[in-house]
Amino acid sequence: MTAPYNLGPAAAYSVLNNPHGLFFPDDGGYFYVVTDDHDVSRFVLTVPWDVSTIASFSKSGSIFTNSRQPSDVFISPDGVNMFITGMYAGNIAHYTLSTPWSLETLVYVRKKVINPGGTSSPRCLYFTPDGTKLFVGYYSGGVAMFLLPTPWDINSISLAAAVVVHDPDVTARAYSIWISPDGGKLYLYSDYSNKLFIGTMATPWDLSTVSWVMDADMGPDGVLGVTGYYPYNGIFCNPSESRLFVTGTNSGAAIFTLFGSVPAGRFWTNFKNLREEA
């Protein structure tokens, strides 16, 4: 495994206070992070998907009013619709960017409390590319899938029609999720077990068909742990799944960690009893 690249306190702490969820557009030219400062930061990369090549950054204004304790961010493929989970408020807020991808043009649209089936405190989210399905992970445990009859319109969600998956060994404190472009693979980081779980969906983008098949230890002494940087908050992969990006904190210092070739060539197939395979 390639040694991780750490964007440590000297580079990041002055602009980020405890980074949580992160998001990259498909071309990997920049990435977005939400923080405990109740704002969104955008970093521009000179080399796509290479966080060591940050050229500039910008920040939004405060989103505290509509997104208390922002914990994850997702942007539609056209760069116009931004969604943020407010963990303390128990909601998802919708914003628009009149200039695509530009935080300077961020405008609040609406928010919706979204806690079905005994869940609470939405922690992370992910949409299908067409905006017709939304996946949410909860700090209380569980992952839910919602249908959006009107694409990208969270007001069109029916909580009664939600599919909720609870697995105490996997989905406890679901901190971050990422789904492969074909909708067949779901990555989930659990803050409870400090593990990265990988599941396959037999029917793409259908949570009811998920089977958990791999896991990897992300604790301080785990195979995906980085000494001195713990715990983690958010994960994201590039489309080919050759790079895993992680946000985390250590005594208040913000970091970004880039792992090369994960999980490509490094699979953990003995579920719940870690075994690495070449």
Protein backbone atom coordinates (compact mmCIF):
# COMPACT_ATOMS: atom_id res chain seq x y z
CA MET A 1 0.00 0.00 0.00
CA THR A 2 1.30 3.42 -0.91
CA ALA A 3 2.29 5.51 2.11
CA PRO A 4 -0.52 7.94 2.98
CA TYR A 5 -0.20 11.60 2.17
CA ASN A 6 -1.20 13.70 5.18
CA LEU A 7 -2.30 17.29 4.78
CA GLY A 8 -1.50 18.15 8.37
CA PRO A 9 -1.94 21.10 10.73
CA ALA A 10 0.61 23.35 9.04
CA ALA A 11 -1.36 23.27 5.80
CA ALA A 12 -4.95 22.82 6.92
CA TYR A 13 -5.66 23.68 10.51
CA SER A 14 -5.94 27.41 9.86
CA VAL A 15 -8.85 26.84 7.49
CA LEU A 16 -10.53 23.68 8.81
CA ASN A 17 -11.86 22.93 12.28
CA ASN A 18 -12.55 19.21 12.59
CA PRO A 19 -13.38 18.21 8.98
CA HIS A 20 -16.24 15.75 8.51
CA GLY A 21 -17.75 14.56 5.22
CA LEU A 22 -16.01 15.24 1.93
CA PHE A 23 -17.07 15.16 -1.71
CA PHE A 24 -15.27 15.12 -5.07
CA PRO A 25 -16.89 15.78 -8.48
CA ASP A 26 -16.40 13.09 -11.09
CA ASP A 27 -13.34 14.74 -12.62
CA GLY A 28 -11.51 15.02 -9.28
CA GLY A 29 -10.48 18.59 -9.95
CA TYR A 30 -11.47 19.81 -6.49
CA PHE A 31 -13.09 18.59 -3.30
CA TYR A 32 -15.47 19.92 -0.66
CA VAL A 33 -15.43 19.46 3.12
CA VAL A 34 -17.89 20.41 5.89
CA THR A 35 -16.49 21.32 9.31
CA ASP A 36 -17.35 22.18 12.90
CA ASP A 37 -17.18 25.84 11.89
CA HIS A 38 -20.57 25.27 10.19
CA ASP A 39 -19.33 26.05 6.72
CA VAL A 40 -18.21 24.34 3.52
CA SER A 41 -14.66 24.56 2.13
CA ARG A 42 -13.62 23.92 -1.48
CA PHE A 43 -10.07 22.96 -2.43
CA VAL A 44 -8.87 23.26 -6.03
CA LEU A 45 -6.36 20.64 -7.21
CA THR A 46 -3.86 21.16 -10.03
CA VAL A 47 -3.68 17.38 -10.54
CA PRO A 48 -7.06 15.62 -10.32
CA TRP A 49 -7.47 13.28 -7.34
CA ASP A 50 -4.09 14.31 -5.90
CA VAL A 51 -4.59 16.17 -2.62
CA SER A 52 -0.90 17.02 -2.48
CA THR A 53 -1.49 19.51 -5.33
CA ILE A 54 -3.94 21.89 -3.62
CA ALA A 55 -3.70 25.24 -5.41
CA SER A 56 -6.35 27.29 -3.60
CA PHE A 57 -9.36 27.08 -1.33
CA SER A 58 -12.53 29.02 -0.65
CA LYS A 59 -15.17 28.91 2.09
CA SER A 60 -18.90 29.45 2.23
CA GLY A 61 -20.65 31.63 4.74
CA SER A 62 -22.14 30.09 7.87
CA ILE A 63 -24.75 27.35 7.33
CA PHE A 64 -25.49 27.00 11.06
CA THR A 65 -29.12 28.17 10.83
CA ASN A 66 -30.16 25.35 8.51
CA SER A 67 -27.47 22.71 9.04
CA ARG A 68 -26.56 22.35 12.72
CA GLN A 69 -23.49 20.15 13.11
CA PRO A 70 -22.92 19.62 9.36
CA SER A 71 -21.49 16.15 8.90
CA ASP A 72 -21.56 15.37 5.17
CA VAL A 73 -21.97 17.05 1.78
CA PHE A 74 -23.09 15.89 -1.67
CA ILE A 75 -23.37 17.87 -4.92
CA SER A 76 -25.34 16.91 -8.03
CA PRO A 77 -23.29 16.09 -11.16
CA ASP A 78 -24.14 19.47 -12.74
CA GLY A 79 -22.73 21.32 -9.72
CA VAL A 80 -26.02 23.09 -8.98
CA ASN A 81 -27.63 21.22 -6.06
CA MET A 82 -25.80 20.83 -2.76
CA PHE A 83 -27.10 18.74 0.14
CA ILE A 84 -25.78 18.75 3.71
CA THR A 85 -26.69 16.55 6.66
CA GLY A 86 -27.33 18.41 9.91
CA MET A 87 -26.69 15.74 12.51
CA TYR A 88 -27.94 17.66 15.54
CA ALA A 89 -30.96 19.07 13.73
CA GLY A 90 -31.84 15.65 12.33
CA ASN A 91 -32.32 17.03 8.85
CA ILE A 92 -30.94 17.34 5.34
CA ALA A 93 -30.67 20.84 3.88
CA HIS A 94 -30.80 21.65 0.18
CA TYR A 95 -28.81 24.54 -1.26
CA THR A 96 -28.28 25.68 -4.83
CA LEU A 97 -25.20 27.13 -6.53
CA SER A 98 -26.28 29.58 -9.23
CA THR A 99 -22.75 29.34 -10.63
CA PRO A 100 -22.09 25.60 -10.67
CA TRP A 101 -19.55 24.41 -8.10
CA SER A 102 -19.01 27.95 -6.73
CA LEU A 103 -19.52 28.38 -2.98
CA GLU A 104 -19.78 32.12 -3.43
CA THR A 105 -23.22 31.60 -5.00
CA LEU A 106 -24.61 29.27 -2.30
CA VAL A 107 -28.32 29.85 -1.58
CA TYR A 108 -30.49 27.95 0.90
CA VAL A 109 -33.60 26.29 -0.54
CA ARG A 110 -35.23 24.02 2.07
CA LYS A 111 -34.61 21.37 4.71
CA LYS A 112 -36.35 18.16 5.70
CA VAL A 113 -36.27 16.05 8.84
CA ILE A 114 -35.54 12.54 7.66
CA ASN A 115 -35.50 9.93 10.45
CA PRO A 116 -37.48 6.79 9.50
CA GLY A 117 -37.84 3.53 11.38
CA GLY A 118 -36.41 4.56 14.73
CA THR A 119 -33.32 6.23 13.27
CA SER A 120 -32.00 9.61 14.39
CA SER A 121 -29.12 12.00 13.74
CA PRO A 122 -28.41 11.64 10.00
CA ARG A 123 -24.64 11.54 9.62
CA CYS A 124 -23.88 10.92 5.93
CA LEU A 125 -25.60 10.86 2.55
CA TYR A 126 -25.21 9.81 -1.08
CA PHE A 127 -27.44 10.20 -4.16
CA THR A 128 -27.82 8.30 -7.40
CA PRO A 129 -26.45 10.27 -10.37
CA ASP A 130 -29.98 11.11 -11.53
CA GLY A 131 -31.16 12.31 -8.11
CA THR A 132 -34.00 9.79 -7.81
CA LYS A 133 -32.62 7.87 -4.80
CA LEU A 134 -31.02 9.08 -1.60
CA PHE A 135 -28.98 6.95 0.84
CA VAL A 136 -28.50 8.16 4.42
CA GLY A 137 -26.41 6.74 7.25
CA TYR A 138 -27.34 7.48 10.87
CA TYR A 139 -25.32 8.08 14.02
CA SER A 140 -28.03 6.14 15.87
CA GLY A 141 -27.31 3.20 13.58
CA GLY A 142 -28.69 2.03 10.26
CA VAL A 143 -28.67 3.06 6.62
CA ALA A 144 -31.81 4.15 4.77
CA MET A 145 -32.74 4.48 1.11
CA PHE A 146 -35.37 6.98 -0.04
CA LEU A 147 -37.09 7.48 -3.38
CA LEU A 148 -37.38 10.99 -4.84
CA PRO A 149 -40.27 11.05 -7.36
CA THR A 150 -39.06 14.52 -8.30
CA PRO A 151 -35.28 14.29 -8.82
CA TRP A 152 -33.20 16.30 -6.32
CA ASP A 153 -36.34 17.48 -4.49
CA ILE A 154 -36.09 16.27 -0.87
CA ASN A 155 -39.66 17.46 -0.26
CA SER A 156 -40.86 14.67 -2.54
CA ILE A 157 -39.43 11.98 -0.22
CA SER A 158 -41.90 9.66 1.50
CA LEU A 159 -40.53 8.45 4.84
CA ALA A 160 -43.09 5.64 4.88
CA ALA A 161 -41.57 4.18 1.70
CA ALA A 162 -38.00 4.18 3.04
CA VAL A 163 -35.90 1.01 3.03
CA VAL A 164 -33.90 0.80 6.27
CA VAL A 165 -31.07 -1.67 6.89
CA HIS A 166 -29.94 -2.32 10.47
CA ASP A 167 -26.96 -4.55 11.18
CA PRO A 168 -25.39 -3.98 14.62
CA ASP A 169 -22.09 -5.44 13.41
CA VAL A 170 -21.90 -3.05 10.45
CA THR A 171 -24.17 -0.02 10.53
CA ALA A 172 -23.72 1.10 14.16
CA ARG A 173 -22.76 4.79 14.07
CA ALA A 174 -22.66 4.93 10.26
CA TYR A 175 -20.29 7.86 9.83
CA SER A 176 -19.68 7.92 6.09
CA ILE A 177 -20.81 6.13 2.93
CA TRP A 178 -19.69 6.04 -0.70
CA ILE A 179 -21.27 4.15 -3.60
CA SER A 180 -19.52 3.05 -6.78
CA PRO A 181 -20.61 4.73 -10.05
CA ASP A 182 -22.41 1.59 -11.21
CA GLY A 183 -24.38 1.38 -7.96
CA GLY A 184 -23.11 -2.11 -7.22
CA LYS A 185 -20.80 -1.46 -4.28
CA LEU A 186 -21.37 0.36 -0.99
CA TYR A 187 -18.55 1.52 1.28
CA LEU A 188 -19.46 2.30 4.90
CA TYR A 189 -17.21 3.56 7.69
CA SER A 190 -18.48 2.78 11.19
CA ASP A 191 -17.19 4.98 13.99
CA TYR A 192 -18.44 2.35 16.45
CA SER A 193 -16.23 -0.49 15.19
CA ASN A 194 -13.61 1.72 13.49
CA LYS A 195 -13.94 -0.44 10.39
CA LEU A 196 -14.47 0.18 6.72
CA PHE A 197 -17.14 -2.20 5.42
CA ILE A 198 -17.75 -2.98 1.76
CA GLY A 199 -21.06 -4.39 0.58
CA THR A 200 -22.38 -5.42 -2.82
CA MET A 201 -25.89 -4.62 -4.04
CA ALA A 202 -27.20 -7.45 -6.23
CA THR A 203 -29.55 -4.95 -7.84
CA PRO A 204 -27.63 -1.72 -8.45
CA TRP A 205 -28.71 1.18 -6.25
CA ASP A 206 -31.11 -1.05 -4.28
CA LEU A 207 -30.22 -1.12 -0.58
CA SER A 208 -32.57 -4.01 0.08
CA THR A 209 -30.20 -6.26 -1.90
CA VAL A 210 -26.99 -5.38 -0.01
CA SER A 211 -24.67 -8.12 1.27
CA TRP A 212 -21.66 -7.18 3.39
CA VAL A 213 -18.64 -9.01 2.01
CA MET A 214 -15.44 -7.24 3.13
CA ASP A 215 -14.10 -5.24 6.05
CA ALA A 216 -10.86 -3.54 7.06
CA ASP A 217 -9.70 -2.24 10.42
CA MET A 218 -9.29 1.56 10.48
CA GLY A 219 -8.41 1.79 14.17
CA PRO A 220 -5.06 3.27 15.29
CA ASP A 221 -3.37 -0.14 14.97
CA GLY A 222 -5.38 -1.39 11.99
CA VAL A 223 -4.20 -2.07 8.46
CA LEU A 224 -5.86 1.16 7.29
CA GLY A 225 -4.96 3.15 10.40
CA VAL A 226 -2.43 5.97 10.35
CA THR A 227 -0.39 6.37 13.51
CA GLY A 228 -1.22 9.66 15.24
CA TYR A 229 -4.29 10.44 13.11
CA TYR A 230 -7.48 9.14 14.64
CA PRO A 231 -10.47 9.01 14.71
CA TYR A 232 -11.75 9.35 11.15
CA ASN A 233 -14.85 11.23 10.03
CA GLY A 234 -15.44 10.88 6.29
CA ILE A 235 -14.46 8.69 3.32
CA PHE A 236 -14.58 9.07 -0.45
CA CYS A 237 -13.20 7.05 -3.38
CA ASN A 238 -12.28 7.96 -6.92
CA PRO A 239 -14.48 6.28 -9.57
CA SER A 240 -12.03 3.43 -10.22
CA GLU A 241 -11.77 2.75 -6.46
CA SER A 242 -7.99 2.97 -6.65
CA ARG A 243 -7.77 5.78 -4.11
CA LEU A 244 -9.46 6.19 -0.76
CA PHE A 245 -9.66 9.66 0.78
CA VAL A 246 -10.26 10.07 4.50
CA THR A 247 -10.85 13.02 6.81
CA GLY A 248 -9.93 12.76 10.45
CA THR A 249 -8.80 14.63 13.53
CA ASN A 250 -6.01 14.41 16.03
CA SER A 251 -6.09 16.81 18.98
CA GLY A 252 -8.05 19.26 16.86
CA ALA A 253 -5.68 19.17 13.88
CA ALA A 254 -7.30 18.64 10.49
CA ILE A 255 -5.88 16.07 8.09
CA PHE A 256 -6.58 14.47 4.76
CA THR A 257 -5.18 11.05 4.09
CA LEU A 258 -4.70 9.55 0.66
CA PHE A 259 -4.21 5.80 0.38
CA GLY A 260 -3.03 4.40 -2.94
CA SER A 261 -4.39 1.14 -4.33
CA VAL A 262 -7.11 0.58 -1.76
CA PRO A 263 -8.97 -1.67 -2.03
CA ALA A 264 -7.50 -2.74 -5.40
CA GLY A 265 -5.24 -5.71 -4.65
CA ARG A 266 -6.02 -5.59 -0.91
CA PHE A 267 -9.29 -7.28 -0.09
CA TRP A 268 -10.51 -8.45 3.29
CA THR A 269 -12.91 -11.26 2.45
CA ASN A 270 -13.14 -13.13 5.74
CA PHE A 271 -15.91 -10.88 7.04
CA LYS A 272 -15.76 -9.93 10.75
CA ASN A 273 -12.50 -11.88 11.12
CA LEU A 274 -9.96 -9.79 9.28
CA ARG A 275 -7.81 -11.55 6.71
CA GLU A 276 -5.83 -9.70 4.07
CA GLU A 277 -5.45 -11.19 0.60
CA ALA A 278 -2.95 -10.14 -2.03
